[in-house]
PDB file of N, CA and C in Angstrom:
ATOM      1  N   MET A   1      14.628 -30.211  14.162  1.00  0.00           N
ATOM      2  CA  MET A   1      13.306 -30.747  14.293  1.00  0.00           C
ATOM      3  C   MET A   1      12.322 -29.836  13.561  1.00  0.00           C
ATOM      4  N   ALA A   2      11.505 -30.412  12.738  1.00  0.00           N
ATOM      5  CA  ALA A   2      10.534 -29.650  11.958  1.00  0.00           C
ATOM      6  C   ALA A   2       9.393 -29.166  12.852  1.00  0.00           C
ATOM      7  N   ARG A   3       8.884 -28.016  12.534  1.00  0.00           N
ATOM      8  CA  ARG A   3       7.759 -27.477  13.289  1.00  0.00           C
ATOM      9  C   ARG A   3       6.455 -28.048  12.756  1.00  0.00           C
ATOM     10  N   SER A   4       5.489 -28.093  13.624  1.00  0.00           N
ATOM     11  CA  SER A   4       4.207 -28.678  13.235  1.00  0.00           C
ATOM     12  C   SER A   4       3.445 -27.750  12.302  1.00  0.00           C
ATOM     13  N   LYS A   5       2.485 -28.313  11.620  1.00  0.00           N
ATOM     14  CA  LYS A   5       1.644 -27.542  10.717  1.00  0.00           C
ATOM     15  C   LYS A   5       0.876 -26.478  11.504  1.00  0.00           C
ATOM     16  N   TYR A   6       0.479 -26.811  12.719  1.00  0.00           N
ATOM     17  CA  TYR A   6      -0.267 -25.867  13.546  1.00  0.00           C
ATOM     18  C   TYR A   6       0.564 -24.613  13.834  1.00  0.00           C
ATOM     19  N   TYR A   7       1.867 -24.762  14.020  1.00  0.00           N
ATOM     20  CA  TYR A   7       2.728 -23.624  14.302  1.00  0.00           C
ATOM     21  C   TYR A   7       2.625 -22.585  13.192  1.00  0.00           C
ATOM     22  N   TYR A   8       2.670 -23.006  11.950  1.00  0.00           N
ATOM     23  CA  TYR A   8       2.613 -22.078  10.829  1.00  0.00           C
ATOM     24  C   TYR A   8       1.212 -21.536  10.612  1.00  0.00           C
ATOM     25  N   GLU A   9       0.199 -22.340  10.883  1.00  0.00           N
ATOM     26  CA  GLU A   9      -1.177 -21.877  10.695  1.00  0.00           C
ATOM     27  C   GLU A   9      -1.556 -20.798  11.695  1.00  0.00           C
ATOM     28  N   LYS A  10      -1.063 -20.897  12.907  1.00  0.00           N
ATOM     29  CA  LYS A  10      -1.473 -19.923  13.921  1.00  0.00           C
ATOM     30  C   LYS A  10      -0.947 -18.522  13.619  1.00  0.00           C
ATOM     31  N   TYR A  11       0.124 -18.413  12.829  1.00  0.00           N
ATOM     32  CA  TYR A  11       0.653 -17.105  12.491  1.00  0.00           C
ATOM     33  C   TYR A  11       0.027 -16.517  11.238  1.00  0.00           C
ATOM     34  N   SER A  12      -0.864 -17.238  10.593  1.00  0.00           N
ATOM     35  CA  SER A  12      -1.506 -16.696   9.400  1.00  0.00           C
ATOM     36  C   SER A  12      -2.986 -16.440   9.629  1.00  0.00           C
ATOM     37  N   ARG A  13      -3.411 -16.460  10.856  1.00  0.00           N
ATOM     38  CA  ARG A  13      -4.820 -16.259  11.165  1.00  0.00           C
ATOM     39  C   ARG A  13      -5.103 -14.803  11.526  1.00  0.00           C
ATOM     40  N   PRO A  14      -6.334 -14.388  11.279  1.00  0.00           N
ATOM     41  CA  PRO A  14      -6.724 -13.047  11.722  1.00  0.00           C
ATOM     42  C   PRO A  14      -6.789 -12.989  13.234  1.00  0.00           C
ATOM     43  N   PRO A  15      -6.826 -11.868  13.874  1.00  0.00           N
ATOM     44  CA  PRO A  15      -6.966 -10.534  13.291  1.00  0.00           C
ATOM     45  C   PRO A  15      -5.608  -9.932  12.957  1.00  0.00           C
ATOM     46  N   LEU A  16      -5.333  -9.802  11.691  1.00  0.00           N
ATOM     47  CA  LEU A  16      -4.056  -9.240  11.261  1.00  0.00           C
ATOM     48  C   LEU A  16      -4.033  -7.721  11.372  1.00  0.00           C
ATOM     49  N   LYS A  17      -5.206  -7.104  11.570  1.00  0.00           N
ATOM     50  CA  LYS A  17      -5.231  -5.650  11.722  1.00  0.00           C
ATOM     51  C   LYS A  17      -4.470  -5.209  12.970  1.00  0.00           C
ATOM     52  N   ILE A  18      -4.348  -6.101  13.939  1.00  0.00           N
ATOM     53  CA  ILE A  18      -3.585  -5.774  15.152  1.00  0.00           C
ATOM     54  C   ILE A  18      -2.117  -5.553  14.802  1.00  0.00           C
ATOM     55  N   GLN A  19      -1.567  -6.431  13.982  1.00  0.00           N
ATOM     56  CA  GLN A  19      -0.163  -6.289  13.574  1.00  0.00           C
ATOM     57  C   GLN A  19       0.028  -5.064  12.686  1.00  0.00           C
ATOM     58  N   TYR A  20      -0.950  -4.820  11.801  1.00  0.00           N
ATOM     59  CA  TYR A  20      -0.877  -3.647  10.924  1.00  0.00           C
ATOM     60  C   TYR A  20      -0.843  -2.370  11.768  1.00  0.00           C
ATOM     61  N   LYS A  21      -1.750  -2.282  12.727  1.00  0.00           N
ATOM     62  CA  LYS A  21      -1.810  -1.097  13.586  1.00  0.00           C
ATOM     63  C   LYS A  21      -0.548  -0.961  14.427  1.00  0.00           C
ATOM     64  N   ALA A  22      -0.006  -2.089  14.883  1.00  0.00           N
ATOM     65  CA  ALA A  22       1.217  -2.047  15.694  1.00  0.00           C
ATOM     66  C   ALA A  22       2.379  -1.487  14.875  1.00  0.00           C
ATOM     67  N   GLY A  23       2.527  -1.926  13.635  1.00  0.00           N
ATOM     68  CA  GLY A  23       3.584  -1.409  12.766  1.00  0.00           C
ATOM     69  C   GLY A  23       3.409   0.062  12.477  1.00  0.00           C
ATOM     70  N   TYR A  24       2.159   0.471  12.261  1.00  0.00           N
ATOM     71  CA  TYR A  24       1.864   1.875  11.989  1.00  0.00           C
ATOM     72  C   TYR A  24       2.214   2.736  13.201  1.00  0.00           C
ATOM     73  N   GLU A  25       1.815   2.284  14.386  1.00  0.00           N
ATOM     74  CA  GLU A  25       2.064   3.046  15.602  1.00  0.00           C
ATOM     75  C   GLU A  25       3.548   3.130  15.949  1.00  0.00           C
ATOM     76  N   VAL A  26       4.291   2.069  15.672  1.00  0.00           N
ATOM     77  CA  VAL A  26       5.730   2.094  15.958  1.00  0.00           C
ATOM     78  C   VAL A  26       6.412   3.189  15.151  1.00  0.00           C
ATOM     79  N   PHE A  27       6.014   3.339  13.893  1.00  0.00           N
ATOM     80  CA  PHE A  27       6.648   4.379  13.082  1.00  0.00           C
ATOM     81  C   PHE A  27       6.265   5.770  13.571  1.00  0.00           C
ATOM     82  N   LYS A  28       5.054   5.923  14.051  1.00  0.00           N
ATOM     83  CA  LYS A  28       4.585   7.230  14.508  1.00  0.00           C
ATOM     84  C   LYS A  28       5.193   7.645  15.842  1.00  0.00           C
ATOM     85  N   GLN A  29       5.774   6.705  16.582  1.00  0.00           N
ATOM     86  CA  GLN A  29       6.379   7.054  17.873  1.00  0.00           C
ATOM     87  C   GLN A  29       7.490   8.072  17.681  1.00  0.00           C
ATOM     88  N   ALA A  30       7.591   8.975  18.627  1.00  0.00           N
ATOM     89  CA  ALA A  30       8.610  10.019  18.532  1.00  0.00           C
ATOM     90  C   ALA A  30      10.019   9.443  18.642  1.00  0.00           C
ATOM     91  N   LYS A  31      10.173   8.400  19.453  1.00  0.00           N
ATOM     92  CA  LYS A  31      11.504   7.830  19.653  1.00  0.00           C
ATOM     93  C   LYS A  31      11.549   6.416  19.079  1.00  0.00           C
ATOM     94  N   GLN A  32      12.294   6.260  18.012  1.00  0.00           N
ATOM     95  CA  GLN A  32      12.536   4.944  17.447  1.00  0.00           C
ATOM     96  C   GLN A  32      13.987   4.580  17.748  1.00  0.00           C
ATOM     97  N   TRP A  33      14.285   3.313  17.591  1.00  0.00           N
ATOM     98  CA  TRP A  33      15.663   2.892  17.818  1.00  0.00           C
ATOM     99  C   TRP A  33      16.525   3.424  16.691  1.00  0.00           C
ATOM    100  N   THR A  34      17.600   4.088  17.049  1.00  0.00           N
ATOM    101  CA  THR A  34      18.501   4.623  16.034  1.00  0.00           C
ATOM    102  C   THR A  34      19.914   4.145  16.295  1.00  0.00           C
ATOM    103  N   LYS A  35      20.715   4.218  15.264  1.00  0.00           N
ATOM    104  CA  LYS A  35      22.108   3.789  15.356  1.00  0.00           C
ATOM    105  C   LYS A  35      22.972   4.832  14.650  1.00  0.00           C
ATOM    106  N   GLN A  36      24.038   5.249  15.306  1.00  0.00           N
ATOM    107  CA  GLN A  36      24.964   6.208  14.725  1.00  0.00           C
ATOM    108  C   GLN A  36      26.031   5.465  13.931  1.00  0.00           C
ATOM    109  N   LEU A  37      26.220   5.861  12.686  1.00  0.00           N
ATOM    110  CA  LEU A  37      27.268   5.279  11.858  1.00  0.00           C
ATOM    111  C   LEU A  37      28.568   6.052  12.056  1.00  0.00           C
ATOM    112  N   VAL A  38      29.650   5.489  11.580  1.00  0.00           N
ATOM    113  CA  VAL A  38      30.969   6.096  11.763  1.00  0.00           C
ATOM    114  C   VAL A  38      31.035   7.470  11.116  1.00  0.00           C
ATOM    115  N   GLY A  39      30.406   7.652   9.964  1.00  0.00           N
ATOM    116  CA  GLY A  39      30.451   8.932   9.259  1.00  0.00           C
ATOM    117  C   GLY A  39      29.569  10.000   9.872  1.00  0.00           C
ATOM    118  N   GLY A  40      28.854   9.675  10.943  1.00  0.00           N
ATOM    119  CA  GLY A  40      27.997  10.650  11.591  1.00  0.00           C
ATOM    120  C   GLY A  40      26.536  10.542  11.197  1.00  0.00           C
ATOM    121  N   ALA A  41      26.241   9.691  10.231  1.00  0.00           N
ATOM    122  CA  ALA A  41      24.856   9.525   9.795  1.00  0.00           C
ATOM    123  C   ALA A  41      24.082   8.696  10.827  1.00  0.00           C
ATOM    124  N   THR A  42      22.787   8.918  10.882  1.00  0.00           N
ATOM    125  CA  THR A  42      21.914   8.183  11.793  1.00  0.00           C
ATOM    126  C   THR A  42      20.947   7.345  10.978  1.00  0.00           C
ATOM    127  N   ILE A  43      20.794   6.079  11.349  1.00  0.00           N
ATOM    128  CA  ILE A  43      19.827   5.222  10.666  1.00  0.00           C
ATOM    129  C   ILE A  43      18.834   4.686  11.694  1.00  0.00           C
ATOM    130  N   VAL A  44      17.628   4.400  11.230  1.00  0.00           N
ATOM    131  CA  VAL A  44      16.588   3.842  12.095  1.00  0.00           C
ATOM    132  C   VAL A  44      16.715   2.326  12.041  1.00  0.00           C
ATOM    133  N   THR A  45      16.766   1.693  13.211  1.00  0.00           N
ATOM    134  CA  THR A  45      16.942   0.240  13.261  1.00  0.00           C
ATOM    135  C   THR A  45      15.797  -0.433  14.009  1.00  0.00           C
ATOM    136  N   THR A  46      14.577   0.033  13.775  1.00  0.00           N
ATOM    137  CA  THR A  46      13.422  -0.577  14.409  1.00  0.00           C
ATOM    138  C   THR A  46      13.220  -1.965  13.811  1.00  0.00           C
ATOM    139  N   ALA A  47      13.082  -2.955  14.661  1.00  0.00           N
ATOM    140  CA  ALA A  47      12.988  -4.336  14.196  1.00  0.00           C
ATOM    141  C   ALA A  47      11.546  -4.845  14.278  1.00  0.00           C
ATOM    142  N   ASN A  48      11.204  -5.679  13.345  1.00  0.00           N
ATOM    143  CA  ASN A  48       9.902  -6.325  13.328  1.00  0.00           C
ATOM    144  C   ASN A  48       9.898  -7.419  14.393  1.00  0.00           C
ATOM    145  N   PRO A  49       8.931  -7.421  15.309  1.00  0.00           N
ATOM    146  CA  PRO A  49       8.940  -8.380  16.414  1.00  0.00           C
ATOM    147  C   PRO A  49       8.401  -9.768  16.075  1.00  0.00           C
ATOM    148  N   TYR A  50       7.906  -9.974  14.867  1.00  0.00           N
ATOM    149  CA  TYR A  50       7.274 -11.252  14.512  1.00  0.00           C
ATOM    150  C   TYR A  50       8.227 -12.143  13.719  1.00  0.00           C
ATOM    151  N   PRO A  51       7.998 -13.457  13.754  1.00  0.00           N
ATOM    152  CA  PRO A  51       8.852 -14.379  12.990  1.00  0.00           C
ATOM    153  C   PRO A  51       8.757 -14.108  11.489  1.00  0.00           C
ATOM    154  N   LYS A  52       9.901 -14.186  10.822  1.00  0.00           N
ATOM    155  CA  LYS A  52       9.941 -13.962   9.388  1.00  0.00           C
ATOM    156  C   LYS A  52       9.103 -14.992   8.658  1.00  0.00           C
ATOM    157  N   ASN A  53       8.635 -14.631   7.482  1.00  0.00           N
ATOM    158  CA  ASN A  53       7.829 -15.494   6.618  1.00  0.00           C
ATOM    159  C   ASN A  53       6.492 -15.863   7.237  1.00  0.00           C
ATOM    160  N   THR A  54       5.929 -14.975   8.038  1.00  0.00           N
ATOM    161  CA  THR A  54       4.587 -15.185   8.571  1.00  0.00           C
ATOM    162  C   THR A  54       3.725 -14.009   8.138  1.00  0.00           C
ATOM    163  N   MET A  55       2.423 -14.208   8.169  1.00  0.00           N
ATOM    164  CA  MET A  55       1.510 -13.131   7.805  1.00  0.00           C
ATOM    165  C   MET A  55       1.613 -11.977   8.807  1.00  0.00           C
ATOM    166  N   GLN A  56       1.858 -12.291  10.063  1.00  0.00           N
ATOM    167  CA  GLN A  56       1.997 -11.238  11.062  1.00  0.00           C
ATOM    168  C   GLN A  56       3.177 -10.329  10.734  1.00  0.00           C
ATOM    169  N   PHE A  57       4.287 -10.940  10.334  1.00  0.00           N
ATOM    170  CA  PHE A  57       5.480 -10.187   9.933  1.00  0.00           C
ATOM    171  C   PHE A  57       5.145  -9.255   8.771  1.00  0.00           C
ATOM    172  N   LYS A  58       4.464  -9.804   7.773  1.00  0.00           N
ATOM    173  CA  LYS A  58       4.132  -9.033   6.576  1.00  0.00           C
ATOM    174  C   LYS A  58       3.166  -7.895   6.894  1.00  0.00           C
ATOM    175  N   GLU A  59       2.189  -8.141   7.742  1.00  0.00           N
ATOM    176  CA  GLU A  59       1.227  -7.102   8.094  1.00  0.00           C
ATOM    177  C   GLU A  59       1.883  -6.002   8.919  1.00  0.00           C
ATOM    178  N   TRP A  60       2.792  -6.363   9.813  1.00  0.00           N
ATOM    179  CA  TRP A  60       3.508  -5.359  10.594  1.00  0.00           C
ATOM    180  C   TRP A  60       4.323  -4.476   9.658  1.00  0.00           C
ATOM    181  N   GLU A  61       5.008  -5.105   8.704  1.00  0.00           N
ATOM    182  CA  GLU A  61       5.807  -4.350   7.728  1.00  0.00           C
ATOM    183  C   GLU A  61       4.916  -3.435   6.893  1.00  0.00           C
ATOM    184  N   ARG A  62       3.754  -3.926   6.491  1.00  0.00           N
ATOM    185  CA  ARG A  62       2.831  -3.135   5.682  1.00  0.00           C
ATOM    186  C   ARG A  62       2.371  -1.900   6.465  1.00  0.00           C
ATOM    187  N   GLY A  63       2.054  -2.066   7.736  1.00  0.00           N
ATOM    188  CA  GLY A  63       1.658  -0.928   8.559  1.00  0.00           C
ATOM    189  C   GLY A  63       2.789   0.068   8.742  1.00  0.00           C
ATOM    190  N   TYR A  64       3.986  -0.441   8.977  1.00  0.00           N
ATOM    191  CA  TYR A  64       5.157   0.416   9.153  1.00  0.00           C
ATOM    192  C   TYR A  64       5.438   1.214   7.877  1.00  0.00           C
ATOM    193  N   ASN A  65       5.385   0.533   6.744  1.00  0.00           N
ATOM    194  CA  ASN A  65       5.641   1.197   5.465  1.00  0.00           C
ATOM    195  C   ASN A  65       4.556   2.226   5.151  1.00  0.00           C
ATOM    196  N   ARG A  66       3.310   1.904   5.477  1.00  0.00           N
ATOM    197  CA  ARG A  66       2.216   2.841   5.231  1.00  0.00           C
ATOM    198  C   ARG A  66       2.414   4.116   6.043  1.00  0.00           C
ATOM    199  N   ALA A  67       2.809   3.975   7.291  1.00  0.00           N
ATOM    200  CA  ALA A  67       3.053   5.139   8.132  1.00  0.00           C
ATOM    201  C   ALA A  67       4.202   5.978   7.561  1.00  0.00           C
ATOM    202  N   TYR A  68       5.222   5.306   7.018  1.00  0.00           N
ATOM    203  CA  TYR A  68       6.351   6.019   6.414  1.00  0.00           C
ATOM    204  C   TYR A  68       5.881   6.864   5.237  1.00  0.00           C
ATOM    205  N   PHE A  69       5.095   6.262   4.348  1.00  0.00           N
ATOM    206  CA  PHE A  69       4.645   6.987   3.166  1.00  0.00           C
ATOM    207  C   PHE A  69       3.620   8.057   3.513  1.00  0.00           C
ATOM    208  N   ASP A  70       2.815   7.842   4.535  1.00  0.00           N
ATOM    209  CA  ASP A  70       1.894   8.884   4.991  1.00  0.00           C
ATOM    210  C   ASP A  70       2.674  10.095   5.499  1.00  0.00           C
ATOM    211  N   ARG A  71       3.716   9.848   6.274  1.00  0.00           N
ATOM    212  CA  ARG A  71       4.537  10.955   6.783  1.00  0.00           C
ATOM    213  C   ARG A  71       5.285  11.646   5.644  1.00  0.00           C
ATOM    214  N   LEU A  72       5.763  10.884   4.686  1.00  0.00           N
ATOM    215  CA  LEU A  72       6.457  11.466   3.542  1.00  0.00           C
ATOM    216  C   LEU A  72       5.519  12.390   2.764  1.00  0.00           C
ATOM    217  N   LYS A  73       4.287  11.932   2.538  1.00  0.00           N
ATOM    218  CA  LYS A  73       3.306  12.738   1.826  1.00  0.00           C
ATOM    219  C   LYS A  73       2.967  14.004   2.624  1.00  0.00           C
ATOM    220  N   GLU A  74       2.846  13.867   3.929  1.00  0.00           N
ATOM    221  CA  GLU A  74       2.553  15.018   4.793  1.00  0.00           C
ATOM    222  C   GLU A  74       3.699  16.029   4.747  1.00  0.00           C
ATOM    223  N   ASN A  75       4.930  15.543   4.774  1.00  0.00           N
ATOM    224  CA  ASN A  75       6.084  16.446   4.703  1.00  0.00           C
ATOM    225  C   ASN A  75       6.148  17.169   3.370  1.00  0.00           C
ATOM    226  N   GLU A  76       5.832  16.466   2.284  1.00  0.00           N
ATOM    227  CA  GLU A  76       5.827  17.106   0.969  1.00  0.00           C
ATOM    228  C   GLU A  76       4.760  18.188   0.907  1.00  0.00           C
ATOM    229  N   ARG A  77       3.589  17.908   1.472  1.00  0.00           N
ATOM    230  CA  ARG A  77       2.501  18.876   1.497  1.00  0.00           C
ATOM    231  C   ARG A  77       2.902  20.105   2.308  1.00  0.00           C
ATOM    232  N   ASN A  78       3.505  19.882   3.469  1.00  0.00           N
ATOM    233  CA  ASN A  78       3.932  21.000   4.301  1.00  0.00           C
ATOM    234  C   ASN A  78       5.016  21.834   3.619  1.00  0.00           C
ATOM    235  N   GLU A  79       5.919  21.167   2.928  1.00  0.00           N
ATOM    236  CA  GLU A  79       6.980  21.881   2.232  1.00  0.00           C
ATOM    237  C   GLU A  79       6.405  22.722   1.105  1.00  0.00           C
ATOM    238  N   THR A  80       5.449  22.174   0.386  1.00  0.00           N
ATOM    239  CA  THR A  80       4.818  22.919  -0.698  1.00  0.00           C
ATOM    240  C   THR A  80       4.074  24.127  -0.157  1.00  0.00           C
ATOM    241  N   ASN A  81       3.351  23.959   0.938  1.00  0.00           N
ATOM    242  CA  ASN A  81       2.633  25.083   1.542  1.00  0.00           C
ATOM    243  C   ASN A  81       3.603  26.160   2.022  1.00  0.00           C
ATOM    244  N   PHE A  82       4.742  25.746   2.583  1.00  0.00           N
ATOM    245  CA  PHE A  82       5.749  26.705   3.045  1.00  0.00           C
ATOM    246  C   PHE A  82       6.316  27.480   1.864  1.00  0.00           C
ATOM    247  N   GLN A  83       6.617  26.789   0.773  1.00  0.00           N
ATOM    248  CA  GLN A  83       7.159  27.456  -0.406  1.00  0.00           C
ATOM    249  C   GLN A  83       6.132  28.410  -1.008  1.00  0.00           C
ATOM    250  N   ARG A  84       4.878  27.989  -1.044  1.00  0.00           N
ATOM    251  CA  ARG A  84       3.815  28.832  -1.584  1.00  0.00           C
ATOM    252  C   ARG A  84       3.655  30.088  -0.723  1.00  0.00           C
ATOM    253  N   GLN A  85       3.712  29.924   0.596  1.00  0.00           N
ATOM    254  CA  GLN A  85       3.575  31.060   1.504  1.00  0.00           C
ATOM    255  C   GLN A  85       4.747  32.027   1.330  1.00  0.00           C
ATOM    256  N   ALA A  86       5.953  31.491   1.219  1.00  0.00           N
ATOM    257  CA  ALA A  86       7.125  32.348   1.037  1.00  0.00           C
ATOM    258  C   ALA A  86       7.044  33.101  -0.294  1.00  0.00           C
ATOM    259  N   TYR A  87       6.569  32.415  -1.324  1.00  0.00           N
ATOM    260  CA  TYR A  87       6.426  33.077  -2.636  1.00  0.00           C
ATOM    261  C   TYR A  87       5.412  34.215  -2.559  1.00  0.00           C
ATOM    262  N   ASN A  88       4.272  33.969  -1.920  1.00  0.00           N
ATOM    263  CA  ASN A  88       3.235  34.983  -1.817  1.00  0.00           C
ATOM    264  C   ASN A  88       3.694  36.172  -0.997  1.00  0.00           C
ATOM    265  N   GLU A  89       4.478  35.952   0.043  1.00  0.00           N
ATOM    266  CA  GLU A  89       4.969  37.040   0.854  1.00  0.00           C
ATOM    267  C   GLU A  89       5.946  37.925   0.084  1.00  0.00           C
ATOM    268  N   ASN A  90       6.722  37.320  -0.803  1.00  0.00           N
ATOM    269  CA  ASN A  90       7.725  38.072  -1.551  1.00  0.00           C
ATOM    270  C   ASN A  90       7.190  38.734  -2.815  1.00  0.00           C
ATOM    271  N   HIS A  91       6.093  38.259  -3.347  1.00  0.00           N
ATOM    272  CA  HIS A  91       5.625  38.766  -4.641  1.00  0.00           C
ATOM    273  C   HIS A  91       4.311  39.518  -4.549  1.00  0.00           C
ATOM    274  N   PHE A  92       3.646  39.530  -3.425  1.00  0.00           N
ATOM    275  CA  PHE A  92       2.360  40.229  -3.365  1.00  0.00           C
ATOM    276  C   PHE A  92       2.322  41.192  -2.214  1.00  0.00           C
TER     277      PHE A  92
END
């Protein structure tokens, strides 16, 4: 049975910032869902709670991805500062 036009419209309406913030906050949580692989590696398996192919789904993903890249940039900055500090301690 096909879904009504209203069903699809309700998932593309604002406020989409709620979904963006939810995705961002999920990534920032200390405990995310993880799964252990056979080789001992750990992967993050946090799932998007919204129906696929909706604006809510896309906004949640955008927030989650933004939080990932913000943390990546922060880690790179911290690593650079650590290396700079170690260099200064050894050479000056």
